[in-house]
Amino acid sequence: MIRINLLPVRAAQKKEKLRSQVLVLLLSLVLVGLACGAVYIQQQQTNENLQAEIADINRRNAELQKRIGEVRDYEKRKADLEQKLEVLAKLKNDKTGPVRLLDDLSNALPEELWLTSFSEQNGSVDLAGIADTEQTVALFMQQLESSGHYSGVELTVTEQTTVGNRRMQRFSLKGRAVTSATN
């Protein structure tokens, strides 16, 4: 019987299979490396784009913060201006108020009546004086009420007194000063 040694052929086939498997393994490793490199490059570009967006958003945020500061400054200046205008309006009203009170008081005075004191504080008015009769005092009170700048005028004290050799009526009145916002 003839013997044929097939071992070297099998060994050669095994070596060939091993080479092809190693080649496939190396090729697979290269392909996996290329795929990982591509994913890495893509992630780097995404990261760079996100960093650029963040920088842009921060820049816009800084601009908006500056505008918000300007708006707050404007609102503060507006509030200051409104407060100043209110003070000016109050000063204007307070300037004309006493003049009108005294003008109406002067117009309401009868000939036979003399005032000895006048005070106005926080809208409350106190008057004192001397008149020839009680009717003159009543007429004075009516004229004050009808003037429009006095209200609630009440007689608090009336007494008879002598001035020189004449009998007179000493009186005291209380009331409220009426100030309007349209003055």
N, C-alpha and C. Protein backbone atom coordinates (compact mmCIF):
# COMPACT_ATOMS: atom_id res chain seq x y z
N MET A 1 0.80 -1.13 0.00
CA MET A 1 0.00 0.00 0.00
C MET A 1 0.88 1.23 0.00
N ILE A 2 0.41 2.08 -0.72
CA ILE A 2 1.20 3.27 -0.93
C ILE A 2 0.72 4.31 0.10
N ARG A 3 1.67 4.89 0.63
CA ARG A 3 1.33 5.93 1.61
C ARG A 3 1.67 7.30 1.04
N ILE A 4 0.74 8.17 1.23
CA ILE A 4 0.97 9.54 0.75
C ILE A 4 0.90 10.44 2.02
N ASN A 5 1.87 11.22 2.11
CA ASN A 5 1.91 12.12 3.27
C ASN A 5 1.17 13.42 2.90
N LEU A 6 0.00 13.60 3.47
CA LEU A 6 -0.82 14.78 3.16
C LEU A 6 -0.66 15.85 4.25
N LEU A 7 0.20 15.60 5.15
CA LEU A 7 0.36 16.55 6.23
C LEU A 7 0.84 17.92 5.75
N PRO A 8 1.84 18.02 4.92
CA PRO A 8 2.26 19.34 4.53
C PRO A 8 1.15 20.09 3.80
N VAL A 9 0.28 19.45 3.09
CA VAL A 9 -0.78 20.14 2.38
C VAL A 9 -1.77 20.68 3.42
N ARG A 10 -2.05 19.87 4.38
CA ARG A 10 -2.98 20.32 5.41
C ARG A 10 -2.37 21.47 6.21
N ALA A 11 -1.09 21.31 6.49
CA ALA A 11 -0.44 22.39 7.23
C ALA A 11 -0.43 23.66 6.38
N ALA A 12 -0.22 23.50 5.09
CA ALA A 12 -0.23 24.67 4.21
C ALA A 12 -1.63 25.26 4.17
N GLN A 13 -2.63 24.41 4.14
CA GLN A 13 -4.01 24.90 4.12
C GLN A 13 -4.32 25.63 5.45
N LYS A 14 -3.84 25.05 6.52
CA LYS A 14 -4.06 25.68 7.82
C LYS A 14 -3.38 27.04 7.87
N LYS A 15 -2.14 27.09 7.33
CA LYS A 15 -1.42 28.37 7.32
C LYS A 15 -2.17 29.38 6.45
N GLU A 16 -2.68 28.92 5.35
CA GLU A 16 -3.42 29.81 4.44
C GLU A 16 -4.68 30.31 5.12
N LYS A 17 -5.40 29.44 5.82
CA LYS A 17 -6.60 29.83 6.55
C LYS A 17 -6.24 30.83 7.65
N LEU A 18 -5.16 30.53 8.34
CA LEU A 18 -4.73 31.41 9.43
C LEU A 18 -4.38 32.80 8.88
N ARG A 19 -3.68 32.83 7.73
CA ARG A 19 -3.34 34.11 7.11
C ARG A 19 -4.58 34.88 6.72
N SER A 20 -5.52 34.17 6.11
CA SER A 20 -6.74 34.87 5.69
C SER A 20 -7.53 35.38 6.92
N GLN A 21 -7.52 34.59 7.99
CA GLN A 21 -8.21 35.03 9.20
C GLN A 21 -7.50 36.23 9.83
N VAL A 22 -6.18 36.20 9.87
CA VAL A 22 -5.41 37.33 10.40
C VAL A 22 -5.64 38.55 9.52
N LEU A 23 -5.65 38.35 8.19
CA LEU A 23 -5.90 39.46 7.27
C LEU A 23 -7.29 40.06 7.51
N VAL A 24 -8.30 39.18 7.68
CA VAL A 24 -9.66 39.66 7.96
C VAL A 24 -9.68 40.41 9.29
N LEU A 25 -8.96 39.86 10.28
CA LEU A 25 -8.90 40.51 11.59
C LEU A 25 -8.25 41.88 11.47
N LEU A 26 -7.13 41.97 10.78
CA LEU A 26 -6.45 43.25 10.61
C LEU A 26 -7.32 44.23 9.83
N LEU A 27 -7.94 43.74 8.78
CA LEU A 27 -8.83 44.59 7.99
C LEU A 27 -10.00 45.07 8.85
N SER A 28 -10.52 44.17 9.67
CA SER A 28 -11.63 44.56 10.57
C SER A 28 -11.16 45.61 11.56
N LEU A 29 -9.96 45.41 12.11
CA LEU A 29 -9.42 46.40 13.05
C LEU A 29 -9.21 47.75 12.38
N VAL A 30 -8.70 47.75 11.16
CA VAL A 30 -8.51 49.00 10.43
C VAL A 30 -9.85 49.67 10.18
N LEU A 31 -10.85 48.88 9.77
CA LEU A 31 -12.18 49.45 9.51
C LEU A 31 -12.80 50.00 10.80
N VAL A 32 -12.66 49.27 11.90
CA VAL A 32 -13.18 49.76 13.19
C VAL A 32 -12.44 51.02 13.60
N GLY A 33 -11.11 51.05 13.39
CA GLY A 33 -10.33 52.25 13.70
C GLY A 33 -10.77 53.44 12.86
N LEU A 34 -11.01 53.21 11.56
CA LEU A 34 -11.49 54.29 10.69
C LEU A 34 -12.88 54.77 11.12
N ALA A 35 -13.74 53.82 11.47
CA ALA A 35 -15.09 54.20 11.93
C ALA A 35 -15.01 55.01 13.21
N CYS A 36 -14.17 54.56 14.15
CA CYS A 36 -14.00 55.31 15.41
C CYS A 36 -13.43 56.69 15.14
N GLY A 37 -12.44 56.76 14.21
CA GLY A 37 -11.86 58.06 13.85
C GLY A 37 -12.90 58.99 13.25
N ALA A 38 -13.76 58.44 12.38
CA ALA A 38 -14.82 59.25 11.76
C ALA A 38 -15.80 59.75 12.82
N VAL A 39 -16.19 58.86 13.73
CA VAL A 39 -17.11 59.27 14.81
C VAL A 39 -16.44 60.33 15.69
N TYR A 40 -15.14 60.16 15.97
CA TYR A 40 -14.41 61.13 16.79
C TYR A 40 -14.37 62.49 16.10
N ILE A 41 -14.07 62.50 14.82
CA ILE A 41 -14.01 63.77 14.07
C ILE A 41 -15.39 64.42 14.04
N GLN A 42 -16.43 63.61 13.84
CA GLN A 42 -17.79 64.15 13.83
C GLN A 42 -18.13 64.75 15.20
N GLN A 43 -17.78 64.08 16.29
CA GLN A 43 -18.05 64.59 17.63
C GLN A 43 -17.26 65.87 17.90
N GLN A 44 -16.03 65.92 17.40
CA GLN A 44 -15.22 67.13 17.55
C GLN A 44 -15.88 68.31 16.83
N GLN A 45 -16.37 68.08 15.61
CA GLN A 45 -17.04 69.15 14.87
C GLN A 45 -18.32 69.58 15.59
N THR A 46 -19.08 68.60 16.10
CA THR A 46 -20.30 68.93 16.86
C THR A 46 -19.93 69.74 18.10
N ASN A 47 -18.87 69.34 18.78
CA ASN A 47 -18.41 70.05 19.96
C ASN A 47 -18.00 71.48 19.61
N GLU A 48 -17.26 71.65 18.52
CA GLU A 48 -16.85 72.99 18.08
C GLU A 48 -18.06 73.84 17.73
N ASN A 49 -19.04 73.25 17.05
CA ASN A 49 -20.27 73.99 16.71
C ASN A 49 -21.01 74.40 17.98
N LEU A 50 -21.10 73.49 18.95
CA LEU A 50 -21.78 73.83 20.20
C LEU A 50 -21.02 74.92 20.97
N GLN A 51 -19.70 74.84 20.96
CA GLN A 51 -18.90 75.88 21.61
C GLN A 51 -19.12 77.23 20.94
N ALA A 52 -19.22 77.23 19.62
CA ALA A 52 -19.48 78.48 18.89
C ALA A 52 -20.87 79.01 19.23
N GLU A 53 -21.86 78.11 19.32
CA GLU A 53 -23.21 78.54 19.70
C GLU A 53 -23.23 79.10 21.11
N ILE A 54 -22.52 78.44 22.03
CA ILE A 54 -22.46 78.93 23.41
C ILE A 54 -21.81 80.31 23.45
N ALA A 55 -20.74 80.50 22.71
CA ALA A 55 -20.09 81.81 22.67
C ALA A 55 -21.03 82.86 22.11
N ASP A 56 -21.80 82.50 21.06
CA ASP A 56 -22.75 83.44 20.46
C ASP A 56 -23.87 83.77 21.46
N ILE A 57 -24.36 82.75 22.14
CA ILE A 57 -25.43 82.97 23.13
C ILE A 57 -24.91 83.84 24.27
N ASN A 58 -23.70 83.60 24.72
CA ASN A 58 -23.11 84.44 25.79
C ASN A 58 -22.94 85.87 25.32
N ARG A 59 -22.55 86.06 24.07
CA ARG A 59 -22.40 87.42 23.53
C ARG A 59 -23.76 88.12 23.48
N ARG A 60 -24.79 87.40 22.98
CA ARG A 60 -26.13 87.99 22.94
C ARG A 60 -26.66 88.24 24.34
N ASN A 61 -26.35 87.34 25.27
CA ASN A 61 -26.78 87.52 26.66
C ASN A 61 -26.15 88.78 27.25
N ALA A 62 -24.87 89.00 26.97
CA ALA A 62 -24.19 90.21 27.45
C ALA A 62 -24.85 91.46 26.87
N GLU A 63 -25.18 91.40 25.57
CA GLU A 63 -25.87 92.55 24.94
C GLU A 63 -27.23 92.79 25.59
N LEU A 64 -27.96 91.70 25.85
CA LEU A 64 -29.28 91.85 26.47
C LEU A 64 -29.17 92.35 27.90
N GLN A 65 -28.16 91.89 28.62
CA GLN A 65 -27.95 92.39 29.98
C GLN A 65 -27.66 93.89 29.95
N LYS A 66 -26.91 94.32 28.96
CA LYS A 66 -26.63 95.75 28.82
C LYS A 66 -27.93 96.52 28.55
N ARG A 67 -28.76 95.96 27.67
CA ARG A 67 -30.04 96.62 27.38
C ARG A 67 -30.95 96.62 28.60
N ILE A 68 -30.95 95.52 29.35
CA ILE A 68 -31.76 95.47 30.57
C ILE A 68 -31.29 96.54 31.55
N GLY A 69 -29.98 96.71 31.64
CA GLY A 69 -29.43 97.78 32.49
C GLY A 69 -29.88 99.15 32.03
N GLU A 70 -29.88 99.35 30.71
CA GLU A 70 -30.34 100.63 30.16
C GLU A 70 -31.83 100.84 30.46
N VAL A 71 -32.63 99.78 30.33
CA VAL A 71 -34.07 99.90 30.61
C VAL A 71 -34.29 100.21 32.09
N ARG A 72 -33.55 99.54 32.96
CA ARG A 72 -33.69 99.82 34.40
C ARG A 72 -33.28 101.25 34.70
N ASP A 73 -32.22 101.71 34.08
CA ASP A 73 -31.78 103.08 34.27
C ASP A 73 -32.85 104.05 33.76
N TYR A 74 -33.44 103.73 32.61
CA TYR A 74 -34.52 104.56 32.07
C TYR A 74 -35.71 104.58 33.02
N GLU A 75 -36.09 103.40 33.54
CA GLU A 75 -37.23 103.34 34.46
C GLU A 75 -36.94 104.14 35.73
N LYS A 76 -35.71 104.08 36.21
CA LYS A 76 -35.35 104.83 37.41
C LYS A 76 -35.42 106.33 37.14
N ARG A 77 -34.88 106.74 35.98
CA ARG A 77 -34.95 108.16 35.63
C ARG A 77 -36.40 108.60 35.44
N LYS A 78 -37.24 107.71 34.86
CA LYS A 78 -38.64 108.04 34.67
C LYS A 78 -39.34 108.22 36.02
N ALA A 79 -39.06 107.31 36.96
CA ALA A 79 -39.66 107.42 38.30
C ALA A 79 -39.19 108.69 38.99
N ASP A 80 -37.90 109.03 38.86
CA ASP A 80 -37.39 110.26 39.45
C ASP A 80 -38.08 111.48 38.84
N LEU A 81 -38.25 111.45 37.53
CA LEU A 81 -38.91 112.56 36.85
C LEU A 81 -40.36 112.70 37.28
N GLU A 82 -41.07 111.57 37.38
CA GLU A 82 -42.46 111.61 37.83
C GLU A 82 -42.55 112.16 39.25
N GLN A 83 -41.62 111.76 40.10
CA GLN A 83 -41.61 112.26 41.47
C GLN A 83 -41.37 113.78 41.48
N LYS A 84 -40.44 114.23 40.64
CA LYS A 84 -40.17 115.67 40.57
C LYS A 84 -41.38 116.42 40.05
N LEU A 85 -42.08 115.84 39.05
CA LEU A 85 -43.28 116.50 38.53
C LEU A 85 -44.37 116.57 39.60
N GLU A 86 -44.50 115.52 40.40
CA GLU A 86 -45.48 115.55 41.49
C GLU A 86 -45.13 116.64 42.50
N VAL A 87 -43.84 116.78 42.81
CA VAL A 87 -43.42 117.81 43.75
C VAL A 87 -43.71 119.19 43.17
N LEU A 88 -43.42 119.35 41.87
CA LEU A 88 -43.70 120.65 41.23
C LEU A 88 -45.20 120.96 41.24
N ALA A 89 -46.03 119.95 40.96
CA ALA A 89 -47.47 120.18 40.98
C ALA A 89 -47.95 120.54 42.38
N LYS A 90 -47.39 119.86 43.38
CA LYS A 90 -47.77 120.16 44.77
C LYS A 90 -47.33 121.56 45.15
N LEU A 91 -46.10 121.93 44.74
CA LEU A 91 -45.62 123.28 45.03
C LEU A 91 -46.48 124.33 44.34
N LYS A 92 -46.88 124.04 43.11
CA LYS A 92 -47.74 124.99 42.39
C LYS A 92 -49.08 125.14 43.09
N ASN A 93 -49.64 124.01 43.51
CA ASN A 93 -50.92 124.04 44.22
C ASN A 93 -50.78 124.76 45.56
N ASP A 94 -49.69 124.46 46.28
CA ASP A 94 -49.47 125.10 47.57
C ASP A 94 -49.19 126.59 47.42
N LYS A 95 -48.63 126.97 46.29
CA LYS A 95 -48.33 128.38 46.06
C LYS A 95 -49.60 129.19 45.85
N THR A 96 -50.53 128.63 45.10
CA THR A 96 -51.75 129.39 44.81
C THR A 96 -52.81 129.20 45.88
N GLY A 97 -52.74 128.13 46.64
CA GLY A 97 -53.76 127.85 47.66
C GLY A 97 -53.88 128.95 48.69
N PRO A 98 -52.80 129.33 49.38
CA PRO A 98 -52.91 130.38 50.40
C PRO A 98 -53.36 131.72 49.83
N VAL A 99 -52.94 132.04 48.62
CA VAL A 99 -53.35 133.31 48.00
C VAL A 99 -54.86 133.33 47.81
N ARG A 100 -55.40 132.22 47.34
CA ARG A 100 -56.86 132.17 47.12
C ARG A 100 -57.61 132.19 48.45
N LEU A 101 -57.07 131.50 49.44
CA LEU A 101 -57.71 131.53 50.77
C LEU A 101 -57.78 132.95 51.30
N LEU A 102 -56.67 133.66 51.23
CA LEU A 102 -56.64 135.03 51.74
C LEU A 102 -57.48 135.97 50.88
N ASP A 103 -57.51 135.73 49.58
CA ASP A 103 -58.34 136.57 48.70
C ASP A 103 -59.83 136.38 49.04
N ASP A 104 -60.26 135.13 49.19
CA ASP A 104 -61.65 134.89 49.56
C ASP A 104 -61.97 135.44 50.95
N LEU A 105 -61.01 135.34 51.85
CA LEU A 105 -61.20 135.89 53.19
C LEU A 105 -61.38 137.40 53.12
N SER A 106 -60.56 138.05 52.31
CA SER A 106 -60.67 139.51 52.16
C SER A 106 -62.00 139.91 51.53
N ASN A 107 -62.44 139.13 50.53
CA ASN A 107 -63.71 139.45 49.88
C ASN A 107 -64.92 139.20 50.79
N ALA A 108 -64.78 138.27 51.74
CA ALA A 108 -65.90 137.93 52.62
C ALA A 108 -66.01 138.87 53.82
N LEU A 109 -65.01 139.71 54.07
CA LEU A 109 -65.03 140.58 55.25
C LEU A 109 -66.05 141.72 55.11
N PRO A 110 -67.00 141.79 56.02
CA PRO A 110 -67.90 142.96 56.03
C PRO A 110 -67.15 144.19 56.55
N GLU A 111 -67.73 145.36 56.33
CA GLU A 111 -67.09 146.61 56.73
C GLU A 111 -66.95 146.74 58.24
N GLU A 112 -67.88 146.17 58.98
CA GLU A 112 -67.90 146.35 60.43
C GLU A 112 -67.24 145.19 61.17
N LEU A 113 -66.34 144.47 60.52
CA LEU A 113 -65.71 143.31 61.12
C LEU A 113 -64.20 143.42 60.91
N TRP A 114 -63.44 143.11 61.99
CA TRP A 114 -61.98 143.17 61.93
C TRP A 114 -61.42 141.85 62.44
N LEU A 115 -60.49 141.30 61.69
CA LEU A 115 -59.86 140.06 62.12
C LEU A 115 -58.64 140.38 62.99
N THR A 116 -58.49 139.59 64.07
CA THR A 116 -57.33 139.75 64.94
C THR A 116 -56.33 138.60 64.77
N SER A 117 -56.81 137.45 64.27
CA SER A 117 -55.87 136.35 64.01
C SER A 117 -56.44 135.43 62.92
N PHE A 118 -55.53 134.83 62.19
CA PHE A 118 -55.86 133.86 61.15
C PHE A 118 -54.75 132.83 61.12
N SER A 119 -55.14 131.55 61.17
CA SER A 119 -54.12 130.50 61.03
C SER A 119 -54.72 129.33 60.24
N GLU A 120 -53.88 128.78 59.40
CA GLU A 120 -54.28 127.61 58.60
C GLU A 120 -53.18 126.58 58.76
N GLN A 121 -53.59 125.38 59.17
CA GLN A 121 -52.61 124.31 59.37
C GLN A 121 -53.25 123.00 58.97
N ASN A 122 -52.63 122.34 57.97
CA ASN A 122 -53.11 121.04 57.49
C ASN A 122 -54.59 121.08 57.10
N GLY A 123 -55.01 122.18 56.51
CA GLY A 123 -56.39 122.28 56.04
C GLY A 123 -57.36 122.78 57.08
N SER A 124 -56.93 122.94 58.32
CA SER A 124 -57.81 123.44 59.39
C SER A 124 -57.56 124.94 59.55
N VAL A 125 -58.65 125.70 59.57
CA VAL A 125 -58.54 127.16 59.64
C VAL A 125 -59.14 127.64 60.95
N ASP A 126 -58.41 128.54 61.65
CA ASP A 126 -58.89 129.18 62.87
C ASP A 126 -58.87 130.69 62.64
N LEU A 127 -60.00 131.32 62.94
CA LEU A 127 -60.13 132.77 62.77
C LEU A 127 -60.61 133.37 64.09
N ALA A 128 -60.16 134.58 64.38
CA ALA A 128 -60.65 135.32 65.54
C ALA A 128 -60.73 136.79 65.15
N GLY A 129 -61.68 137.49 65.76
CA GLY A 129 -61.83 138.88 65.42
C GLY A 129 -62.88 139.58 66.25
N ILE A 130 -63.19 140.81 65.84
CA ILE A 130 -64.17 141.65 66.52
C ILE A 130 -65.12 142.18 65.47
N ALA A 131 -66.43 142.18 65.82
CA ALA A 131 -67.45 142.72 64.91
C ALA A 131 -68.39 143.58 65.73
N ASP A 132 -69.16 144.43 65.03
CA ASP A 132 -70.07 145.32 65.75
C ASP A 132 -71.31 144.57 66.26
N THR A 133 -71.80 143.54 65.50
CA THR A 133 -72.97 142.80 65.96
C THR A 133 -72.80 141.31 65.62
N GLU A 134 -73.70 140.51 66.21
CA GLU A 134 -73.70 139.08 65.92
C GLU A 134 -74.15 138.82 64.48
N GLN A 135 -75.01 139.69 63.94
CA GLN A 135 -75.45 139.53 62.56
C GLN A 135 -74.29 139.71 61.59
N THR A 136 -73.37 140.59 61.92
CA THR A 136 -72.19 140.79 61.07
C THR A 136 -71.32 139.53 61.07
N VAL A 137 -71.20 138.90 62.23
CA VAL A 137 -70.43 137.65 62.31
C VAL A 137 -71.13 136.57 61.49
N ALA A 138 -72.46 136.47 61.58
CA ALA A 138 -73.21 135.48 60.81
C ALA A 138 -73.07 135.73 59.31
N LEU A 139 -73.14 136.99 58.90
CA LEU A 139 -72.96 137.34 57.49
C LEU A 139 -71.56 136.93 57.02
N PHE A 140 -70.55 137.19 57.83
CA PHE A 140 -69.17 136.81 57.51
C PHE A 140 -69.06 135.29 57.33
N MET A 141 -69.69 134.53 58.21
CA MET A 141 -69.65 133.06 58.12
C MET A 141 -70.31 132.58 56.82
N GLN A 142 -71.45 133.17 56.48
CA GLN A 142 -72.15 132.79 55.25
C GLN A 142 -71.29 133.10 54.02
N GLN A 143 -70.67 134.25 53.99
CA GLN A 143 -69.84 134.64 52.85
C GLN A 143 -68.61 133.75 52.73
N LEU A 144 -68.03 133.33 53.85
CA LEU A 144 -66.91 132.40 53.81
C LEU A 144 -67.35 131.06 53.21
N GLU A 145 -68.48 130.54 53.67
CA GLU A 145 -68.99 129.25 53.17
C GLU A 145 -69.25 129.31 51.67
N SER A 146 -69.77 130.43 51.20
CA SER A 146 -70.13 130.53 49.79
C SER A 146 -68.91 130.83 48.91
N SER A 147 -67.76 131.10 49.49
CA SER A 147 -66.57 131.45 48.71
C SER A 147 -66.01 130.27 47.91
N GLY A 148 -66.22 129.04 48.38
CA GLY A 148 -65.70 127.88 47.66
C GLY A 148 -64.37 127.38 48.19
N HIS A 149 -63.65 128.18 48.96
CA HIS A 149 -62.37 127.75 49.52
C HIS A 149 -62.45 127.49 51.01
N TYR A 150 -63.61 127.67 51.59
CA TYR A 150 -63.82 127.38 53.01
C TYR A 150 -65.06 126.51 53.14
N SER A 151 -65.01 125.55 54.07
CA SER A 151 -66.19 124.74 54.33
C SER A 151 -66.26 124.41 55.81
N GLY A 152 -67.44 124.06 56.27
CA GLY A 152 -67.63 123.68 57.67
C GLY A 152 -67.28 124.79 58.64
N VAL A 153 -67.58 126.04 58.28
CA VAL A 153 -67.25 127.17 59.15
C VAL A 153 -68.24 127.17 60.32
N GLU A 154 -67.68 127.09 61.53
CA GLU A 154 -68.51 127.05 62.75
C GLU A 154 -68.04 128.10 63.73
N LEU A 155 -68.99 128.65 64.44
CA LEU A 155 -68.71 129.63 65.48
C LEU A 155 -68.35 128.86 66.75
N THR A 156 -67.16 129.11 67.29
CA THR A 156 -66.77 128.40 68.51
C THR A 156 -66.97 129.26 69.75
N VAL A 157 -66.70 130.56 69.64
CA VAL A 157 -66.86 131.46 70.79
C VAL A 157 -67.40 132.79 70.29
N THR A 158 -68.35 133.31 71.03
CA THR A 158 -68.78 134.70 70.81
C THR A 158 -69.05 135.31 72.19
N GLU A 159 -68.54 136.50 72.40
CA GLU A 159 -68.75 137.18 73.69
C GLU A 159 -68.77 138.68 73.45
N GLN A 160 -69.48 139.34 74.32
CA GLN A 160 -69.59 140.78 74.20
C GLN A 160 -68.40 141.41 74.92
N THR A 161 -67.84 142.45 74.29
CA THR A 161 -66.69 143.16 74.86
C THR A 161 -66.85 144.64 74.55
N THR A 162 -66.05 145.41 75.21
CA THR A 162 -66.08 146.85 74.97
C THR A 162 -64.74 147.28 74.41
N VAL A 163 -64.82 147.98 73.30
CA VAL A 163 -63.61 148.51 72.67
C VAL A 163 -63.80 150.03 72.67
N GLY A 164 -62.93 150.70 73.44
CA GLY A 164 -63.11 152.14 73.61
C GLY A 164 -64.39 152.36 74.40
N ASN A 165 -65.36 153.02 73.82
CA ASN A 165 -66.65 153.19 74.48
C ASN A 165 -67.77 152.52 73.69
N ARG A 166 -67.38 151.62 72.75
CA ARG A 166 -68.37 150.90 71.92
C ARG A 166 -68.48 149.45 72.36
N ARG A 167 -69.70 148.93 72.31
CA ARG A 167 -69.93 147.51 72.56
C ARG A 167 -69.69 146.74 71.26
N MET A 168 -68.88 145.66 71.38
CA MET A 168 -68.52 144.87 70.20
C MET A 168 -68.68 143.38 70.55
N GLN A 169 -68.65 142.58 69.50
CA GLN A 169 -68.73 141.12 69.65
C GLN A 169 -67.37 140.52 69.31
N ARG A 170 -66.74 139.86 70.29
CA ARG A 170 -65.50 139.13 70.04
C ARG A 170 -65.92 137.72 69.64
N PHE A 171 -65.29 137.18 68.57
CA PHE A 171 -65.70 135.85 68.08
C PHE A 171 -64.48 135.02 67.71
N SER A 172 -64.74 133.72 67.61
CA SER A 172 -63.73 132.78 67.16
C SER A 172 -64.42 131.75 66.27
N LEU A 173 -63.82 131.46 65.10
CA LEU A 173 -64.40 130.53 64.12
C LEU A 173 -63.40 129.42 63.81
N LYS A 174 -63.96 128.26 63.46
CA LYS A 174 -63.16 127.14 62.97
C LYS A 174 -63.77 126.67 61.66
N GLY A 175 -62.93 126.15 60.79
CA GLY A 175 -63.43 125.62 59.51
C GLY A 175 -62.32 124.84 58.82
N ARG A 176 -62.61 124.46 57.59
CA ARG A 176 -61.64 123.72 56.79
C ARG A 176 -61.36 124.50 55.51
N ALA A 177 -60.11 124.48 55.11
CA ALA A 177 -59.72 125.08 53.83
C ALA A 177 -59.91 124.04 52.75
N VAL A 178 -60.56 124.42 51.67
CA VAL A 178 -60.79 123.50 50.56
C VAL A 178 -59.78 123.82 49.47
N THR A 179 -58.94 122.84 49.18
CA THR A 179 -57.99 123.01 48.07
C THR A 179 -58.35 122.00 47.02
N SER A 180 -58.36 122.44 45.78
CA SER A 180 -58.67 121.53 44.68
C SER A 180 -57.41 121.23 43.89
N ALA A 181 -57.37 120.04 43.27
CA ALA A 181 -56.19 119.62 42.51
C ALA A 181 -56.06 120.38 41.19
N THR A 182 -57.09 121.10 40.78
CA THR A 182 -57.07 121.79 39.49
C THR A 182 -56.53 123.21 39.63
N ASN A 183 -56.17 123.65 40.83
CA ASN A 183 -55.69 125.03 41.01
C ASN A 183 -54.42 125.24 40.28
